[in-house]
Amino acid sequence: MGSIQRRTYAAGKPPRYIARVRVGGKEVSKSFAKQGQAREWIRSREGLSPTGRRLDNQMLSSIIKSHIEQSATESTRGVRRHLSANLGELEFLRLSDVTVDHVRDWRTVLAEGRPWAAGKPLSNSSIRTLMGTLSAVFNDAVAQGQIVRNPVTSVRRKGTANQAIEPHQVLKVDQIRSLIDTASEPYSVMLELGATSGLRAGELAGLRVRSIDFDRKVVHITEQADGHHTAFGWRPLKTEQSRRTIPLPASTLSAVRLHLNTHDYSLDEPLFRAAQGGQWSSAHIAKVWRGVAKDAGIENHSWHSLRHFFASALIASGASVTTVQHRLGHASPMVTLAVYSHLWPGEDDKTRAVFDGLL
């Protein structure tokens, strides 16, 4: 059973209620302004609903909604909302009733076409994100003793064979220009920087003023935004290989310099600010992208398309696999080759020459 401790303070400061409960043999605690909130939190940690009902008998959709409410960052909240909107048949199952076959069938529907989204399928990367998010929900339930095992972990991940981008997924130069011309400052500068550096959305949101070295004409990627839209915060990069330095063209440096000339930011503050003065997040960048892309008449693309544009431009210039890997911050050359191997020029001519005049 959990416990609640009332903690009082001097100088008229209102009391706080410290809730404590043991989960998986480890004590966890959290502070609340009201005793009722502390009591409800203990119930949720112990696997009980506010009415005392076991959570393993609750609908999976209800549990995911509670996870949405408990999200620590806006980006996490956005991912969990996306999962909630794409549960399909899982929406009607209780937590303890979900099996490996249910999860496997759900993943197949996401890949082949969602009936609740006019038959539109999701990309492999989106499916992996949803699978990971759902798995985290079940891991939490296992830790709280609500269920014995996580059915998502038993579903084998798809291989990398289908990661290769299609030609239509690579933006054209005129499309990039249209996006930049359509957007307002600072998003227009962010778009240009994204197209000429291949930064992930979180990496770009995490840039500080000092990340841009105008003397060396490079940008240093050392951290990413932590997802809080209204406050400044940073967290480690996706992998150690994501830490890198990327050369920037003169046009992008000029655009960034002009942006900084109109704002009085200190070196340690975010390079870009949202409309209300807060730090950008991946979710907010994606949201603004949808509006700008629609106005520019560009469909079926996302911020990640700028990375594809950047990579394809490097490959067309003759860059090696290692160079492209380092510029994109991929964990290994195999990741780069899985996505872009077919874009390296020359192989078609070589194989064609083998058969010229052979028959």
Protein backbone atom coordinates (compact mmCIF):
# COMPACT_ATOMS: atom_id res chain seq x y z
CA MET A 1 0.00 0.00 0.00
CA GLY A 2 1.13 3.53 -0.73
CA SER A 3 1.37 6.32 1.80
CA ILE A 4 0.81 10.07 1.79
CA GLN A 5 2.82 12.54 3.86
CA ARG A 6 1.63 16.12 4.42
CA ARG A 7 4.55 18.53 4.24
CA THR A 8 4.14 22.08 5.54
CA TYR A 9 6.28 25.14 4.87
CA ALA A 10 6.93 28.45 6.60
CA ALA A 11 5.92 31.93 5.47
CA GLY A 12 2.39 30.93 4.51
CA LYS A 13 3.42 28.64 1.65
CA PRO A 14 0.66 26.07 0.98
CA PRO A 15 1.32 22.46 2.07
CA ARG A 16 2.32 19.69 -0.35
CA TYR A 17 1.31 16.05 -0.25
CA ILE A 18 4.10 13.54 -0.88
CA ALA A 19 2.79 10.25 -2.25
CA ARG A 20 4.97 7.14 -1.96
CA VAL A 21 4.42 3.67 -3.36
CA ARG A 22 6.54 0.63 -4.19
CA VAL A 23 6.62 -0.43 -7.85
CA GLY A 24 8.60 -3.48 -8.88
CA GLY A 25 10.40 -3.53 -5.52
CA LYS A 26 11.48 0.12 -5.79
CA GLU A 27 9.91 3.04 -3.94
CA VAL A 28 8.80 5.97 -6.08
CA SER A 29 7.36 9.26 -4.90
CA LYS A 30 5.73 12.37 -6.26
CA SER A 31 4.58 15.70 -4.80
CA PHE A 32 1.06 17.09 -5.24
CA ALA A 33 -0.81 20.24 -4.24
CA LYS A 34 -3.93 18.27 -3.23
CA GLN A 35 -4.34 15.10 -1.21
CA GLY A 36 -6.88 13.71 -3.68
CA GLN A 37 -4.36 13.98 -6.51
CA ALA A 38 -1.79 12.10 -4.45
CA ARG A 39 -4.34 9.36 -3.67
CA GLU A 40 -5.25 8.94 -7.35
CA TRP A 41 -1.58 8.74 -8.30
CA ILE A 42 -1.00 5.96 -5.77
CA ARG A 43 -3.96 4.06 -7.19
CA SER A 44 -2.60 4.37 -10.72
CA ARG A 45 0.86 3.19 -9.62
CA GLU A 46 -0.66 0.21 -7.79
CA GLY A 47 -2.67 -0.76 -10.84
CA LEU A 48 -6.02 0.57 -9.61
CA SER A 49 -8.46 3.01 -11.17
CA PRO A 50 -9.90 5.90 -9.06
CA THR A 51 -12.83 3.58 -8.21
CA GLY A 52 -10.53 0.79 -7.01
CA ARG A 53 -10.91 -1.33 -10.14
CA ARG A 54 -7.89 -3.20 -11.51
CA LEU A 55 -6.38 -1.42 -14.50
CA ASP A 56 -5.69 -4.70 -16.30
CA ASN A 57 -9.45 -4.85 -16.84
CA GLN A 58 -9.52 -1.39 -18.38
CA MET A 59 -9.66 -0.77 -22.09
CA LEU A 60 -6.26 -0.25 -23.69
CA SER A 61 -7.53 3.00 -25.21
CA SER A 62 -8.36 4.38 -21.75
CA ILE A 63 -4.92 3.56 -20.40
CA ILE A 64 -3.23 5.25 -23.37
CA LYS A 65 -5.36 8.34 -22.77
CA SER A 66 -4.09 8.44 -19.19
CA HIS A 67 -0.54 8.21 -20.54
CA ILE A 68 -1.28 11.20 -22.77
CA GLU A 69 -2.36 13.23 -19.75
CA GLN A 70 0.80 12.25 -17.87
CA SER A 71 3.17 13.16 -20.74
CA ALA A 72 6.15 15.19 -19.56
CA THR A 73 6.83 16.88 -22.92
CA GLU A 74 4.78 18.13 -25.85
CA SER A 75 6.59 15.82 -28.29
CA THR A 76 5.79 12.77 -26.13
CA ARG A 77 2.18 13.89 -25.88
CA GLY A 78 2.00 14.21 -29.67
CA VAL A 79 3.37 10.70 -30.25
CA ARG A 80 0.93 9.19 -27.74
CA ARG A 81 -1.97 11.04 -29.35
CA HIS A 82 -0.91 9.61 -32.70
CA LEU A 83 -0.97 6.13 -31.18
CA SER A 84 -4.41 6.74 -29.67
CA ALA A 85 -5.76 7.84 -33.07
CA ASN A 86 -4.36 4.73 -34.80
CA LEU A 87 -5.24 1.88 -32.43
CA GLY A 88 -7.66 0.30 -34.88
CA GLU A 89 -9.10 -2.93 -33.46
CA LEU A 90 -6.85 -2.64 -30.39
CA GLU A 91 -9.07 0.19 -29.23
CA PHE A 92 -11.78 -2.30 -28.27
CA LEU A 93 -9.56 -4.69 -26.28
CA ARG A 94 -8.82 -4.75 -22.59
CA LEU A 95 -5.19 -4.43 -21.54
CA SER A 96 -4.90 -8.05 -20.39
CA ASP A 97 -6.61 -9.39 -23.54
CA VAL A 98 -4.09 -8.03 -26.08
CA THR A 99 -2.03 -10.87 -27.60
CA VAL A 100 0.98 -11.09 -29.87
CA ASP A 101 -1.35 -11.94 -32.78
CA HIS A 102 -3.41 -8.82 -32.10
CA VAL A 103 -0.30 -6.65 -32.26
CA ARG A 104 1.00 -8.41 -35.37
CA ASP A 105 -2.33 -7.94 -37.19
CA TRP A 106 -2.45 -4.30 -36.10
CA ARG A 107 1.01 -3.65 -37.53
CA THR A 108 -0.01 -5.26 -40.82
CA VAL A 109 -3.05 -2.96 -41.09
CA LEU A 110 -0.86 0.08 -40.43
CA ALA A 111 1.47 -0.96 -43.27
CA GLU A 112 -1.11 -2.06 -45.83
CA GLY A 113 -3.79 0.59 -45.29
CA ARG A 114 -5.78 1.91 -42.34
CA PRO A 115 -9.59 1.63 -42.78
CA TRP A 116 -10.07 4.52 -40.34
CA ALA A 117 -7.82 6.76 -42.50
CA ALA A 118 -9.37 6.17 -45.94
CA GLY A 119 -7.04 3.23 -46.55
CA LYS A 120 -3.85 5.30 -46.25
CA PRO A 121 -0.85 3.30 -44.91
CA LEU A 122 1.84 4.59 -42.60
CA SER A 123 5.56 4.70 -43.37
CA ASN A 124 7.93 2.18 -41.82
CA SER A 125 9.40 4.85 -39.55
CA SER A 126 5.94 5.89 -38.29
CA ILE A 127 5.02 2.27 -37.63
CA ARG A 128 8.24 1.72 -35.67
CA THR A 129 7.46 4.81 -33.59
CA LEU A 130 3.92 3.60 -32.82
CA MET A 131 5.20 0.11 -31.99
CA GLY A 132 7.77 1.57 -29.61
CA THR A 133 5.20 3.81 -27.96
CA LEU A 134 2.74 0.93 -27.51
CA SER A 135 5.54 -1.24 -26.15
CA ALA A 136 6.32 1.43 -23.53
CA VAL A 137 2.69 1.35 -22.39
CA PHE A 138 2.86 -2.42 -21.88
CA ASN A 139 6.28 -2.19 -20.20
CA ASP A 140 4.78 0.20 -17.69
CA ALA A 141 1.91 -2.22 -17.08
CA VAL A 142 4.38 -5.09 -16.54
CA ALA A 143 6.40 -2.99 -14.07
CA GLN A 144 3.23 -2.28 -12.10
CA GLY A 145 2.28 -5.95 -12.02
CA GLN A 146 -0.88 -5.46 -14.09
CA ILE A 147 0.17 -8.02 -16.72
CA VAL A 148 2.81 -10.74 -16.91
CA ARG A 149 4.51 -9.88 -20.21
CA ASN A 150 4.62 -7.33 -23.00
CA PRO A 151 3.01 -8.74 -26.20
CA VAL A 152 4.71 -6.13 -28.40
CA THR A 153 8.25 -7.37 -27.72
CA SER A 154 7.38 -10.79 -29.17
CA VAL A 155 6.49 -9.28 -32.55
CA ARG A 156 9.58 -9.37 -34.72
CA ARG A 157 10.65 -6.05 -36.17
CA LYS A 158 10.54 -5.56 -39.89
CA GLY A 159 13.89 -5.72 -41.64
CA THR A 160 15.58 -2.79 -43.33
CA ALA A 161 14.81 -3.92 -46.90
CA ASN A 162 11.95 -1.47 -47.31
CA GLN A 163 13.75 1.57 -45.91
CA ALA A 164 15.05 2.73 -49.31
CA ILE A 165 13.46 6.03 -50.29
CA GLU A 166 11.50 6.37 -53.50
CA PRO A 167 12.37 9.10 -56.04
CA HIS A 168 9.17 10.99 -55.24
CA GLN A 169 10.27 11.26 -51.61
CA VAL A 170 13.19 13.53 -52.57
CA LEU A 171 12.20 17.18 -52.77
CA LYS A 172 13.26 19.21 -55.81
CA VAL A 173 15.18 22.48 -55.54
CA ASP A 174 12.16 24.49 -56.71
CA GLN A 175 10.03 22.83 -54.02
CA ILE A 176 12.54 23.77 -51.35
CA ARG A 177 12.53 27.35 -52.61
CA SER A 178 8.73 27.39 -52.62
CA LEU A 179 8.64 26.24 -48.99
CA ILE A 180 11.15 28.91 -47.93
CA ASP A 181 9.32 31.66 -49.82
CA THR A 182 5.97 30.59 -48.34
CA ALA A 183 7.16 30.47 -44.71
CA SER A 184 7.63 33.48 -42.48
CA GLU A 185 10.64 34.21 -40.28
CA PRO A 186 12.09 32.34 -38.41
CA TYR A 187 10.62 29.19 -40.01
CA SER A 188 11.91 30.22 -43.44
CA VAL A 189 15.47 30.31 -42.05
CA MET A 190 14.90 27.00 -40.27
CA LEU A 191 13.81 25.42 -43.57
CA GLU A 192 16.92 26.63 -45.39
CA LEU A 193 19.17 25.45 -42.58
CA GLY A 194 17.41 22.07 -42.53
CA ALA A 195 17.81 21.63 -46.29
CA THR A 196 21.53 22.49 -46.26
CA SER A 197 22.48 20.56 -43.12
CA GLY A 198 20.10 17.58 -42.95
CA LEU A 199 19.35 18.16 -39.27
CA ARG A 200 16.63 16.21 -37.56
CA ALA A 201 13.80 18.39 -36.22
CA GLY A 202 14.85 17.88 -32.60
CA GLU A 203 18.46 18.71 -33.44
CA LEU A 204 17.50 21.95 -35.15
CA ALA A 205 15.22 22.91 -32.27
CA GLY A 206 18.13 22.24 -29.91
CA LEU A 207 20.62 24.55 -31.62
CA ARG A 208 21.95 27.39 -29.51
CA VAL A 209 23.28 30.66 -30.88
CA ARG A 210 26.82 29.44 -30.22
CA SER A 211 26.16 26.29 -32.29
CA ILE A 212 26.81 28.35 -35.43
CA ASP A 213 30.50 29.07 -36.03
CA PHE A 214 30.54 31.87 -38.58
CA ASP A 215 34.35 31.92 -38.75
CA ARG A 216 34.67 28.23 -39.63
CA LYS A 217 31.36 28.30 -41.55
CA VAL A 218 29.97 25.25 -39.75
CA VAL A 219 27.20 24.21 -37.37
CA HIS A 220 27.98 22.02 -34.35
CA ILE A 221 25.34 19.43 -33.37
CA THR A 222 25.93 18.45 -29.74
CA GLU A 223 22.42 18.16 -28.24
CA GLN A 224 18.73 18.32 -29.08
CA ALA A 225 15.65 20.02 -27.65
CA ASP A 226 13.96 18.08 -24.86
CA GLY A 227 10.48 18.69 -26.25
CA HIS A 228 9.19 21.36 -23.85
CA HIS A 229 7.58 24.00 -26.04
CA THR A 230 7.26 26.76 -23.46
CA ALA A 231 10.62 26.41 -21.68
CA PHE A 232 14.26 26.05 -22.67
CA GLY A 233 15.66 22.55 -22.25
CA TRP A 234 18.07 20.13 -23.86
CA ARG A 235 18.79 16.42 -23.80
CA PRO A 236 21.43 14.10 -25.34
CA LEU A 237 21.43 13.28 -29.03
CA LYS A 238 19.90 10.12 -30.48
CA THR A 239 23.29 8.35 -30.61
CA GLU A 240 26.92 9.27 -30.04
CA GLN A 241 27.37 9.26 -33.83
CA SER A 242 24.77 12.04 -34.02
CA ARG A 243 27.35 14.44 -32.55
CA ARG A 244 28.89 16.06 -35.61
CA THR A 245 30.00 19.24 -37.37
CA ILE A 246 28.48 20.19 -40.71
CA PRO A 247 29.82 22.82 -43.15
CA LEU A 248 27.26 25.42 -44.22
CA PRO A 249 27.01 27.34 -47.49
CA ALA A 250 27.39 31.12 -47.53
CA SER A 251 23.70 31.67 -48.35
CA THR A 252 22.54 29.78 -45.25
CA LEU A 253 25.06 31.54 -43.02
CA SER A 254 23.82 34.89 -44.34
CA ALA A 255 20.20 33.94 -43.60
CA VAL A 256 21.11 32.89 -40.05
CA ARG A 257 23.16 36.04 -39.47
CA LEU A 258 20.26 38.22 -40.65
CA HIS A 259 17.96 36.31 -38.28
CA LEU A 260 20.29 36.95 -35.34
CA ASN A 261 20.66 40.62 -36.24
CA THR A 262 16.95 41.08 -35.60
CA HIS A 263 16.97 39.32 -32.21
CA ASP A 264 18.93 39.93 -29.03
CA TYR A 265 19.73 36.36 -27.99
CA SER A 266 22.62 35.30 -25.75
CA LEU A 267 25.06 32.62 -26.90
CA ASP A 268 23.55 29.87 -24.71
CA GLU A 269 19.94 30.53 -25.69
CA PRO A 270 18.06 28.72 -28.50
CA LEU A 271 18.96 29.88 -31.99
CA PHE A 272 15.28 29.93 -32.94
CA ARG A 273 12.23 30.90 -30.87
CA ALA A 274 8.55 30.11 -31.40
CA ALA A 275 5.90 32.82 -31.63
CA GLN A 276 5.38 33.04 -27.86
CA GLY A 277 9.11 33.13 -27.13
CA GLY A 278 9.46 29.47 -26.16
CA GLN A 279 11.79 26.87 -27.61
CA TRP A 280 10.75 24.95 -30.70
CA SER A 281 10.00 21.23 -30.37
CA SER A 282 9.88 18.43 -32.95
CA ALA A 283 6.09 18.32 -32.68
CA HIS A 284 5.75 22.08 -33.22
CA ILE A 285 8.13 22.02 -36.20
CA ALA A 286 6.04 19.23 -37.74
CA LYS A 287 2.80 21.12 -37.11
CA VAL A 288 4.04 24.31 -38.78
CA TRP A 289 5.45 22.24 -41.65
CA ARG A 290 1.98 20.93 -42.50
CA GLY A 291 0.59 24.45 -42.85
CA VAL A 292 3.54 25.78 -44.87
CA ALA A 293 3.62 22.72 -47.16
CA LYS A 294 -0.11 23.01 -47.81
CA ASP A 295 0.21 26.69 -48.74
CA ALA A 296 3.18 25.87 -50.99
CA GLY A 297 1.21 23.13 -52.76
CA ILE A 298 3.56 20.35 -51.61
CA GLU A 299 1.97 17.08 -50.49
CA ASN A 300 3.15 13.82 -48.93
CA HIS A 301 6.32 15.28 -47.45
CA SER A 302 7.54 16.00 -43.93
CA TRP A 303 10.49 17.69 -42.26
CA HIS A 304 12.40 14.43 -42.76
CA SER A 305 12.16 15.05 -46.52
CA LEU A 306 14.75 17.80 -46.01
CA ARG A 307 17.18 15.13 -44.80
CA HIS A 308 16.51 13.11 -47.95
CA PHE A 309 17.12 16.22 -50.04
CA PHE A 310 20.39 16.91 -48.22
CA ALA A 311 21.59 13.30 -48.57
CA SER A 312 20.68 13.06 -52.25
CA ALA A 313 22.53 16.32 -52.97
CA LEU A 314 25.65 14.99 -51.23
CA ILE A 315 25.47 11.73 -53.18
CA ALA A 316 25.00 13.55 -56.49
CA SER A 317 28.11 15.61 -55.72
CA GLY A 318 30.18 12.44 -55.42
CA ALA A 319 30.31 12.14 -51.62
CA SER A 320 31.29 8.75 -50.23
CA VAL A 321 29.09 6.54 -48.06
CA THR A 322 31.17 7.43 -45.00
CA THR A 323 30.82 11.16 -45.67
CA VAL A 324 27.05 10.92 -46.03
CA GLN A 325 26.83 8.79 -42.88
CA HIS A 326 28.79 11.33 -40.84
CA ARG A 327 26.86 14.31 -42.19
CA LEU A 328 23.51 12.68 -41.36
CA GLY A 329 24.67 11.35 -37.99
CA HIS A 330 23.74 7.75 -38.80
CA ALA A 331 24.89 5.09 -36.36
CA SER A 332 26.66 3.08 -39.09
CA PRO A 333 27.24 3.05 -42.88
CA MET A 334 24.74 0.18 -43.12
CA VAL A 335 21.94 2.52 -42.05
CA THR A 336 22.95 4.97 -44.79
CA LEU A 337 23.15 2.26 -47.43
CA ALA A 338 19.78 0.80 -46.43
CA VAL A 339 18.13 4.12 -47.28
CA TYR A 340 20.25 5.66 -50.05
CA SER A 341 22.39 2.97 -51.73
CA HIS A 342 20.40 3.13 -54.98
CA LEU A 343 21.08 6.86 -55.34
CA TRP A 344 24.84 6.49 -55.88
CA PRO A 345 25.43 7.02 -59.63
CA GLY A 346 27.47 4.92 -62.02
CA GLU A 347 26.39 1.37 -61.23
CA ASP A 348 23.65 1.31 -63.86
CA ASP A 349 26.12 2.26 -66.61
CA LYS A 350 28.60 -0.38 -65.45
CA THR A 351 26.06 -3.22 -65.41
CA ARG A 352 24.54 -2.06 -68.70
CA ALA A 353 27.96 -2.14 -70.38
CA VAL A 354 28.40 -5.80 -69.41
CA PHE A 355 25.53 -6.82 -71.67
CA ASP A 356 26.04 -4.35 -74.55
CA GLY A 357 26.64 -6.47 -77.66
CA LEU A 358 26.62 -9.70 -75.64
CA LEU A 359 23.53 -11.13 -77.32
